[in-house]
PDB file of N, CA and C in Angstrom:
ATOM      1  N   MET A   1     219.881-201.649  98.034  1.00  0.00           N
ATOM      2  CA  MET A   1     221.138-202.366  97.942  1.00  0.00           C
ATOM      3  C   MET A   1     221.221-203.071  96.588  1.00  0.00           C
ATOM      4  N   ASN A   2     222.429-203.170  96.085  1.00  0.00           N
ATOM      5  CA  ASN A   2     222.668-203.809  94.799  1.00  0.00           C
ATOM      6  C   ASN A   2     223.585-205.010  95.011  1.00  0.00           C
ATOM      7  N   PHE A   3     223.089-206.177  94.669  1.00  0.00           N
ATOM      8  CA  PHE A   3     223.850-207.410  94.861  1.00  0.00           C
ATOM      9  C   PHE A   3     224.460-207.918  93.561  1.00  0.00           C
ATOM     10  N   TYR A   4     224.472-207.098  92.521  1.00  0.00           N
ATOM     11  CA  TYR A   4     225.008-207.501  91.226  1.00  0.00           C
ATOM     12  C   TYR A   4     226.489-207.879  91.327  1.00  0.00           C
ATOM     13  N   GLY A   5     227.267-207.067  92.000  1.00  0.00           N
ATOM     14  CA  GLY A   5     228.698-207.347  92.149  1.00  0.00           C
ATOM     15  C   GLY A   5     228.945-208.637  92.902  1.00  0.00           C
ATOM     16  N   LEU A   6     228.167-208.868  93.938  1.00  0.00           N
ATOM     17  CA  LEU A   6     228.294-210.103  94.708  1.00  0.00           C
ATOM     18  C   LEU A   6     227.944-211.316  93.841  1.00  0.00           C
ATOM     19  N   ALA A   7     226.885-211.183  93.043  1.00  0.00           N
ATOM     20  CA  ALA A   7     226.479-212.280  92.160  1.00  0.00           C
ATOM     21  C   ALA A   7     227.555-212.554  91.101  1.00  0.00           C
ATOM     22  N   MET A   8     228.115-211.511  90.518  1.00  0.00           N
ATOM     23  CA  MET A   8     229.143-211.700  89.493  1.00  0.00           C
ATOM     24  C   MET A   8     230.433-212.266  90.099  1.00  0.00           C
ATOM     25  N   GLY A   9     230.790-211.808  91.283  1.00  0.00           N
ATOM     26  CA  GLY A   9     231.969-212.355  91.964  1.00  0.00           C
ATOM     27  C   GLY A   9     231.795-213.826  92.285  1.00  0.00           C
ATOM     28  N   SER A  10     230.615-214.187  92.756  1.00  0.00           N
ATOM     29  CA  SER A  10     230.333-215.591  93.058  1.00  0.00           C
ATOM     30  C   SER A  10     230.356-216.437  91.791  1.00  0.00           C
ATOM     31  N   THR A  11     229.810-215.890  90.707  1.00  0.00           N
ATOM     32  CA  THR A  11     229.831-216.599  89.428  1.00  0.00           C
ATOM     33  C   THR A  11     231.261-216.811  88.955  1.00  0.00           C
ATOM     34  N   MET A  12     232.091-215.797  89.140  1.00  0.00           N
ATOM     35  CA  MET A  12     233.486-215.900  88.706  1.00  0.00           C
ATOM     36  C   MET A  12     234.236-216.971  89.497  1.00  0.00           C
ATOM     37  N   ILE A  13     234.067-216.992  90.795  1.00  0.00           N
ATOM     38  CA  ILE A  13     234.731-217.998  91.631  1.00  0.00           C
ATOM     39  C   ILE A  13     234.262-219.394  91.246  1.00  0.00           C
ATOM     40  N   LEU A  14     232.962-219.565  91.049  1.00  0.00           N
ATOM     41  CA  LEU A  14     232.410-220.856  90.664  1.00  0.00           C
ATOM     42  C   LEU A  14     232.917-221.280  89.285  1.00  0.00           C
ATOM     43  N   ALA A  15     232.932-220.360  88.327  1.00  0.00           N
ATOM     44  CA  ALA A  15     233.371-220.676  86.961  1.00  0.00           C
ATOM     45  C   ALA A  15     234.846-221.060  86.928  1.00  0.00           C
ATOM     46  N   VAL A  16     235.676-220.338  87.649  1.00  0.00           N
ATOM     47  CA  VAL A  16     237.107-220.650  87.659  1.00  0.00           C
ATOM     48  C   VAL A  16     237.359-222.002  88.332  1.00  0.00           C
ATOM     49  N   GLY A  17     236.675-222.263  89.417  1.00  0.00           N
ATOM     50  CA  GLY A  17     236.829-223.555  90.096  1.00  0.00           C
ATOM     51  C   GLY A  17     236.377-224.711  89.225  1.00  0.00           C
ATOM     52  N   LEU A  18     235.228-224.564  88.594  1.00  0.00           N
ATOM     53  CA  LEU A  18     234.734-225.616  87.699  1.00  0.00           C
ATOM     54  C   LEU A  18     235.605-225.725  86.453  1.00  0.00           C
ATOM     55  N   GLY A  19     236.106-224.593  85.951  1.00  0.00           N
ATOM     56  CA  GLY A  19     236.978-224.610  84.784  1.00  0.00           C
ATOM     57  C   GLY A  19     238.270-225.358  85.059  1.00  0.00           C
ATOM     58  N   HIS A  20     238.799-225.192  86.262  1.00  0.00           N
ATOM     59  CA  HIS A  20     240.027-225.895  86.643  1.00  0.00           C
ATOM     60  C   HIS A  20     239.803-227.408  86.614  1.00  0.00           C
ATOM     61  N   MET A  21     238.704-227.844  87.219  1.00  0.00           N
ATOM     62  CA  MET A  21     238.402-229.275  87.223  1.00  0.00           C
ATOM     63  C   MET A  21     238.091-229.784  85.817  1.00  0.00           C
ATOM     64  N   LEU A  22     237.419-228.956  85.018  1.00  0.00           N
ATOM     65  CA  LEU A  22     237.074-229.347  83.656  1.00  0.00           C
ATOM     66  C   LEU A  22     238.326-229.602  82.822  1.00  0.00           C
ATOM     67  N   VAL A  23     239.316-228.730  82.934  1.00  0.00           N
ATOM     68  CA  VAL A  23     240.550-228.892  82.159  1.00  0.00           C
ATOM     69  C   VAL A  23     241.261-230.185  82.549  1.00  0.00           C
ATOM     70  N   ILE A  24     241.307-230.499  83.819  1.00  0.00           N
ATOM     71  CA  ILE A  24     241.969-231.724  84.272  1.00  0.00           C
ATOM     72  C   ILE A  24     241.247-232.953  83.719  1.00  0.00           C
ATOM     73  N   LYS A  25     239.931-232.981  83.848  1.00  0.00           N
ATOM     74  CA  LYS A  25     239.158-234.126  83.364  1.00  0.00           C
ATOM     75  C   LYS A  25     239.168-234.202  81.839  1.00  0.00           C
ATOM     76  N   TRP A  26     239.082-233.048  81.173  1.00  0.00           N
ATOM     77  CA  TRP A  26     239.076-233.002  79.708  1.00  0.00           C
ATOM     78  C   TRP A  26     240.367-233.622  79.160  1.00  0.00           C
ATOM     79  N   GLU A  27     241.494-233.228  79.725  1.00  0.00           N
ATOM     80  CA  GLU A  27     242.773-233.765  79.259  1.00  0.00           C
ATOM     81  C   GLU A  27     242.860-235.253  79.568  1.00  0.00           C
ATOM     82  N   TYR A  28     242.348-235.668  80.702  1.00  0.00           N
ATOM     83  CA  TYR A  28     242.419-237.076  81.096  1.00  0.00           C
ATOM     84  C   TYR A  28     241.627-237.959  80.136  1.00  0.00           C
ATOM     85  N   TYR A  29     240.399-237.538  79.797  1.00  0.00           N
ATOM     86  CA  TYR A  29     239.539-238.382  78.975  1.00  0.00           C
ATOM     87  C   TYR A  29     239.702-238.157  77.468  1.00  0.00           C
ATOM     88  N   TRP A  30     239.911-236.919  77.026  1.00  0.00           N
ATOM     89  CA  TRP A  30     239.925-236.630  75.599  1.00  0.00           C
ATOM     90  C   TRP A  30     241.250-236.095  75.083  1.00  0.00           C
ATOM     91  N   GLY A  31     242.131-235.668  75.942  1.00  0.00           N
ATOM     92  CA  GLY A  31     243.431-235.165  75.519  1.00  0.00           C
ATOM     93  C   GLY A  31     243.372-233.735  75.009  1.00  0.00           C
ATOM     94  N   SER A  32     244.533-233.196  74.715  1.00  0.00           N
ATOM     95  CA  SER A  32     244.609-231.797  74.297  1.00  0.00           C
ATOM     96  C   SER A  32     244.296-231.612  72.815  1.00  0.00           C
ATOM     97  N   LYS A  33     244.209-232.705  72.063  1.00  0.00           N
ATOM     98  CA  LYS A  33     243.888-232.582  70.640  1.00  0.00           C
ATOM     99  C   LYS A  33     242.434-232.182  70.405  1.00  0.00           C
ATOM    100  N   SER A  34     241.619-232.281  71.421  1.00  0.00           N
ATOM    101  CA  SER A  34     240.205-231.924  71.291  1.00  0.00           C
ATOM    102  C   SER A  34     239.927-230.488  71.741  1.00  0.00           C
ATOM    103  N   TRP A  35     240.948-229.639  71.719  1.00  0.00           N
ATOM    104  CA  TRP A  35     240.791-228.256  72.153  1.00  0.00           C
ATOM    105  C   TRP A  35     239.743-227.479  71.341  1.00  0.00           C
ATOM    106  N   PRO A  36     239.476-227.798  70.075  1.00  0.00           N
ATOM    107  CA  PRO A  36     238.446-227.030  69.367  1.00  0.00           C
ATOM    108  C   PRO A  36     237.066-227.117  70.014  1.00  0.00           C
ATOM    109  N   GLY A  37     236.798-228.192  70.739  1.00  0.00           N
ATOM    110  CA  GLY A  37     235.516-228.305  71.444  1.00  0.00           C
ATOM    111  C   GLY A  37     235.367-227.227  72.512  1.00  0.00           C
ATOM    112  N   LEU A  38     236.409-227.035  73.309  1.00  0.00           N
ATOM    113  CA  LEU A  38     236.380-225.968  74.323  1.00  0.00           C
ATOM    114  C   LEU A  38     236.295-224.598  73.671  1.00  0.00           C
ATOM    115  N   LEU A  39     237.028-224.419  72.588  1.00  0.00           N
ATOM    116  CA  LEU A  39     237.011-223.140  71.879  1.00  0.00           C
ATOM    117  C   LEU A  39     235.620-222.838  71.351  1.00  0.00           C
ATOM    118  N   ALA A  40     234.958-223.820  70.778  1.00  0.00           N
ATOM    119  CA  ALA A  40     233.626-223.617  70.210  1.00  0.00           C
ATOM    120  C   ALA A  40     232.604-223.271  71.288  1.00  0.00           C
ATOM    121  N   VAL A  41     232.596-224.033  72.365  1.00  0.00           N
ATOM    122  CA  VAL A  41     231.620-223.787  73.431  1.00  0.00           C
ATOM    123  C   VAL A  41     231.879-222.440  74.102  1.00  0.00           C
ATOM    124  N   GLY A  42     233.135-222.139  74.378  1.00  0.00           N
ATOM    125  CA  GLY A  42     233.473-220.856  74.981  1.00  0.00           C
ATOM    126  C   GLY A  42     233.095-219.687  74.089  1.00  0.00           C
ATOM    127  N   SER A  43     233.358-219.801  72.796  1.00  0.00           N
ATOM    128  CA  SER A  43     233.010-218.733  71.856  1.00  0.00           C
ATOM    129  C   SER A  43     231.504-218.538  71.768  1.00  0.00           C
ATOM    130  N   LEU A  44     230.766-219.649  71.725  1.00  0.00           N
ATOM    131  CA  LEU A  44     229.303-219.547  71.670  1.00  0.00           C
ATOM    132  C   LEU A  44     228.735-218.874  72.917  1.00  0.00           C
ATOM    133  N   LEU A  45     229.296-219.175  74.076  1.00  0.00           N
ATOM    134  CA  LEU A  45     228.816-218.551  75.313  1.00  0.00           C
ATOM    135  C   LEU A  45     229.118-217.052  75.338  1.00  0.00           C
ATOM    136  N   VAL A  46     230.289-216.672  74.859  1.00  0.00           N
ATOM    137  CA  VAL A  46     230.630-215.247  74.813  1.00  0.00           C
ATOM    138  C   VAL A  46     229.708-214.516  73.838  1.00  0.00           C
ATOM    139  N   ILE A  47     229.466-215.121  72.691  1.00  0.00           N
ATOM    140  CA  ILE A  47     228.563-214.499  71.710  1.00  0.00           C
ATOM    141  C   ILE A  47     227.151-214.415  72.271  1.00  0.00           C
ATOM    142  N   ALA A  48     226.701-215.478  72.930  1.00  0.00           N
ATOM    143  CA  ALA A  48     225.360-215.461  73.531  1.00  0.00           C
ATOM    144  C   ALA A  48     225.249-214.375  74.591  1.00  0.00           C
ATOM    145  N   SER A  49     226.315-214.109  75.310  1.00  0.00           N
ATOM    146  CA  SER A  49     226.266-213.067  76.348  1.00  0.00           C
ATOM    147  C   SER A  49     226.052-211.681  75.731  1.00  0.00           C
ATOM    148  N   CYS A  50     226.509-211.512  74.493  1.00  0.00           N
ATOM    149  CA  CYS A  50     226.333-210.219  73.821  1.00  0.00           C
ATOM    150  C   CYS A  50     224.888-209.978  73.398  1.00  0.00           C
ATOM    151  N   PHE A  51     224.124-211.029  73.220  1.00  0.00           N
ATOM    152  CA  PHE A  51     222.754-210.899  72.733  1.00  0.00           C
ATOM    153  C   PHE A  51     221.707-211.171  73.810  1.00  0.00           C
ATOM    154  N   THR A  52     222.104-211.243  75.057  1.00  0.00           N
ATOM    155  CA  THR A  52     221.186-211.496  76.160  1.00  0.00           C
ATOM    156  C   THR A  52     220.792-210.184  76.812  1.00  0.00           C
ATOM    157  N   ASP A  53     219.503-209.995  77.025  1.00  0.00           N
ATOM    158  CA  ASP A  53     219.008-208.743  77.615  1.00  0.00           C
ATOM    159  C   ASP A  53     219.260-208.658  79.119  1.00  0.00           C
ATOM    160  N   SER A  54     219.201-209.777  79.794  1.00  0.00           N
ATOM    161  CA  SER A  54     219.392-209.779  81.238  1.00  0.00           C
ATOM    162  C   SER A  54     220.857-209.501  81.576  1.00  0.00           C
ATOM    163  N   ILE A  55     221.085-208.505  82.403  1.00  0.00           N
ATOM    164  CA  ILE A  55     222.451-208.146  82.770  1.00  0.00           C
ATOM    165  C   ILE A  55     223.118-209.278  83.552  1.00  0.00           C
ATOM    166  N   LEU A  56     222.385-209.875  84.465  1.00  0.00           N
ATOM    167  CA  LEU A  56     222.947-210.958  85.281  1.00  0.00           C
ATOM    168  C   LEU A  56     223.280-212.184  84.422  1.00  0.00           C
ATOM    169  N   LEU A  57     222.376-212.562  83.542  1.00  0.00           N
ATOM    170  CA  LEU A  57     222.618-213.707  82.669  1.00  0.00           C
ATOM    171  C   LEU A  57     223.733-213.411  81.667  1.00  0.00           C
ATOM    172  N   SER A  58     223.744-212.205  81.135  1.00  0.00           N
ATOM    173  CA  SER A  58     224.778-211.818  80.183  1.00  0.00           C
ATOM    174  C   SER A  58     226.162-211.876  80.828  1.00  0.00           C
ATOM    175  N   GLY A  59     226.269-211.346  82.021  1.00  0.00           N
ATOM    176  CA  GLY A  59     227.547-211.384  82.737  1.00  0.00           C
ATOM    177  C   GLY A  59     227.975-212.801  83.058  1.00  0.00           C
ATOM    178  N   SER A  60     227.022-213.623  83.479  1.00  0.00           N
ATOM    179  CA  SER A  60     227.337-215.010  83.820  1.00  0.00           C
ATOM    180  C   SER A  60     227.788-215.792  82.593  1.00  0.00           C
ATOM    181  N   LEU A  61     227.098-215.598  81.464  1.00  0.00           N
ATOM    182  CA  LEU A  61     227.502-216.278  80.225  1.00  0.00           C
ATOM    183  C   LEU A  61     228.879-215.810  79.761  1.00  0.00           C
ATOM    184  N   GLY A  62     229.137-214.514  79.877  1.00  0.00           N
ATOM    185  CA  GLY A  62     230.434-213.978  79.494  1.00  0.00           C
ATOM    186  C   GLY A  62     231.564-214.525  80.349  1.00  0.00           C
ATOM    187  N   ILE A  63     231.330-214.597  81.643  1.00  0.00           N
ATOM    188  CA  ILE A  63     232.337-215.135  82.561  1.00  0.00           C
ATOM    189  C   ILE A  63     232.592-216.607  82.266  1.00  0.00           C
ATOM    190  N   LEU A  64     231.529-217.376  82.094  1.00  0.00           N
ATOM    191  CA  LEU A  64     231.687-218.797  81.811  1.00  0.00           C
ATOM    192  C   LEU A  64     232.372-219.016  80.458  1.00  0.00           C
ATOM    193  N   GLY A  65     231.989-218.235  79.448  1.00  0.00           N
ATOM    194  CA  GLY A  65     232.617-218.351  78.133  1.00  0.00           C
ATOM    195  C   GLY A  65     234.093-218.001  78.168  1.00  0.00           C
ATOM    196  N   ALA A  66     234.430-216.920  78.860  1.00  0.00           N
ATOM    197  CA  ALA A  66     235.835-216.520  78.964  1.00  0.00           C
ATOM    198  C   ALA A  66     236.650-217.559  79.724  1.00  0.00           C
ATOM    199  N   THR A  67     236.036-218.174  80.727  1.00  0.00           N
ATOM    200  CA  THR A  67     236.717-219.231  81.473  1.00  0.00           C
ATOM    201  C   THR A  67     237.019-220.428  80.575  1.00  0.00           C
ATOM    202  N   LEU A  68     236.067-220.788  79.721  1.00  0.00           N
ATOM    203  CA  LEU A  68     236.298-221.906  78.811  1.00  0.00           C
ATOM    204  C   LEU A  68     237.337-221.552  77.752  1.00  0.00           C
ATOM    205  N   LEU A  69     237.341-220.312  77.294  1.00  0.00           N
ATOM    206  CA  LEU A  69     238.372-219.892  76.340  1.00  0.00           C
ATOM    207  C   LEU A  69     239.754-219.944  76.986  1.00  0.00           C
ATOM    208  N   TRP A  70     239.843-219.541  78.218  1.00  0.00           N
ATOM    209  CA  TRP A  70     241.111-219.643  78.935  1.00  0.00           C
ATOM    210  C   TRP A  70     241.476-221.109  79.153  1.00  0.00           C
ATOM    211  N   GLY A  71     240.460-221.967  79.253  1.00  0.00           N
ATOM    212  CA  GLY A  71     240.689-223.390  79.417  1.00  0.00           C
ATOM    213  C   GLY A  71     241.432-224.006  78.239  1.00  0.00           C
ATOM    214  N   VAL A  72     241.275-223.416  77.045  1.00  0.00           N
ATOM    215  CA  VAL A  72     242.018-223.906  75.881  1.00  0.00           C
ATOM    216  C   VAL A  72     243.520-223.759  76.127  1.00  0.00           C
ATOM    217  N   VAL A  73     243.927-222.617  76.652  1.00  0.00           N
ATOM    218  CA  VAL A  73     245.342-222.383  76.962  1.00  0.00           C
ATOM    219  C   VAL A  73     245.803-223.345  78.053  1.00  0.00           C
ATOM    220  N   GLU A  74     244.978-223.499  79.069  1.00  0.00           N
ATOM    221  CA  GLU A  74     245.338-224.364  80.195  1.00  0.00           C
ATOM    222  C   GLU A  74     245.369-225.836  79.801  1.00  0.00           C
ATOM    223  N   LEU A  75     244.622-226.212  78.771  1.00  0.00           N
ATOM    224  CA  LEU A  75     244.613-227.598  78.330  1.00  0.00           C
ATOM    225  C   LEU A  75     245.997-228.034  77.856  1.00  0.00           C
ATOM    226  N   PHE A  76     246.684-227.154  77.139  1.00  0.00           N
ATOM    227  CA  PHE A  76     248.034-227.485  76.680  1.00  0.00           C
ATOM    228  C   PHE A  76     249.032-227.491  77.843  1.00  0.00           C
ATOM    229  N   LYS A  77     248.825-226.615  78.803  1.00  0.00           N
ATOM    230  CA  LYS A  77     249.680-226.635  79.996  1.00  0.00           C
ATOM    231  C   LYS A  77     249.434-227.896  80.813  1.00  0.00           C
ATOM    232  N   GLN A  78     248.176-228.341  80.847  1.00  0.00           N
ATOM    233  CA  GLN A  78     247.834-229.562  81.579  1.00  0.00           C
ATOM    234  C   GLN A  78     248.502-230.775  80.945  1.00  0.00           C
ATOM    235  N   ARG A  79     248.598-230.799  79.630  1.00  0.00           N
ATOM    236  CA  ARG A  79     249.283-231.900  78.945  1.00  0.00           C
ATOM    237  C   ARG A  79     250.733-231.987  79.417  1.00  0.00           C
ATOM    238  N   LYS A  80     251.376-230.819  79.567  1.00  0.00           N
ATOM    239  CA  LYS A  80     252.764-230.813  80.038  1.00  0.00           C
ATOM    240  C   LYS A  80     252.860-231.270  81.487  1.00  0.00           C
ATOM    241  N   ARG A  81     251.861-230.912  82.292  1.00  0.00           N
ATOM    242  CA  ARG A  81     251.852-231.356  83.685  1.00  0.00           C
ATOM    243  C   ARG A  81     251.729-232.874  83.771  1.00  0.00           C
ATOM    244  N   VAL A  82     250.911-233.442  82.894  1.00  0.00           N
ATOM    245  CA  VAL A  82     250.754-234.905  82.862  1.00  0.00           C
ATOM    246  C   VAL A  82     252.057-235.549  82.425  1.00  0.00           C
ATOM    247  N   GLU A  83     252.705-234.971  81.422  1.00  0.00           N
ATOM    248  CA  GLU A  83     253.985-235.519  80.946  1.00  0.00           C
ATOM    249  C   GLU A  83     255.051-235.478  82.032  1.00  0.00           C
ATOM    250  N   ARG A  84     254.996-234.470  82.891  1.00  0.00           N
ATOM    251  CA  ARG A  84     255.966-234.361  83.989  1.00  0.00           C
ATOM    252  C   ARG A  84     255.624-235.282  85.154  1.00  0.00           C
ATOM    253  N   GLY A  85     254.441-235.875  85.126  1.00  0.00           N
ATOM    254  CA  GLY A  85     254.031-236.779  86.184  1.00  0.00           C
ATOM    255  C   GLY A  85     253.314-236.108  87.334  1.00  0.00           C
ATOM    256  N   TRP A  86     252.918-234.859  87.164  1.00  0.00           N
ATOM    257  CA  TRP A  86     252.228-234.144  88.235  1.00  0.00           C
ATOM    258  C   TRP A  86     250.768-234.562  88.347  1.00  0.00           C
ATOM    259  N   PHE A  87     250.198-235.064  87.249  1.00  0.00           N
ATOM    260  CA  PHE A  87     248.822-235.530  87.222  1.00  0.00           C
ATOM    261  C   PHE A  87     248.811-236.906  86.574  1.00  0.00           C
ATOM    262  N   PRO A  88     247.832-237.754  86.914  1.00  0.00           N
ATOM    263  CA  PRO A  88     247.830-239.104  86.363  1.00  0.00           C
ATOM    264  C   PRO A  88     247.487-239.135  84.876  1.00  0.00           C
ATOM    265  N   ARG A  89     248.099-240.065  84.182  1.00  0.00           N
ATOM    266  CA  ARG A  89     247.804-240.302  82.767  1.00  0.00           C
ATOM    267  C   ARG A  89     246.704-241.352  82.671  1.00  0.00           C
ATOM    268  N   ASN A  90     245.793-241.186  81.746  1.00  0.00           N
ATOM    269  CA  ASN A  90     244.716-242.155  81.539  1.00  0.00           C
ATOM    270  C   ASN A  90     245.301-243.378  80.818  1.00  0.00           C
ATOM    271  N   PRO A  91     245.323-244.540  81.469  1.00  0.00           N
ATOM    272  CA  PRO A  91     245.920-245.723  80.826  1.00  0.00           C
ATOM    273  C   PRO A  91     245.109-246.227  79.628  1.00  0.00           C
ATOM    274  N   LYS A  92     243.833-245.890  79.547  1.00  0.00           N
ATOM    275  CA  LYS A  92     242.984-246.341  78.456  1.00  0.00           C
ATOM    276  C   LYS A  92     243.035-245.441  77.245  1.00  0.00           C
ATOM    277  N   LYS A  93     243.584-244.243  77.414  1.00  0.00           N
ATOM    278  CA  LYS A  93     243.616-243.272  76.319  1.00  0.00           C
ATOM    279  C   LYS A  93     244.824-243.526  75.441  1.00  0.00           C
ATOM    280  N   LYS A  94     244.598-243.483  74.125  1.00  0.00           N
ATOM    281  CA  LYS A  94     245.698-243.628  73.188  1.00  0.00           C
ATOM    282  C   LYS A  94     246.451-242.305  73.121  1.00  0.00           C
ATOM    283  N   THR A  95     247.774-242.351  73.179  1.00  0.00           N
ATOM    284  CA  THR A  95     248.570-241.124  73.155  1.00  0.00           C
ATOM    285  C   THR A  95     248.995-240.742  71.780  1.00  0.00           C
TER     286      THR A  95
END
């Protein structure tokens, strides 16, 4: 039996769920102007996945990196959600 697909599917569900929470918290504490941080970490993870020999680790790094890269797009959408009042604004953060 091969459990690779199950492992990758589980990694994807976990990464997307954590990525969703990360974008909400990232915008709350640091705002959307800090998007280069997500871009850098996501890019490094994708590049690291290309140079990893382990198939399971390579796939997991690629999934996590792609999720963070997608998080850059979602960060700007999250800013609009906060402006519309759908999510709370951080009162301590300078706008």
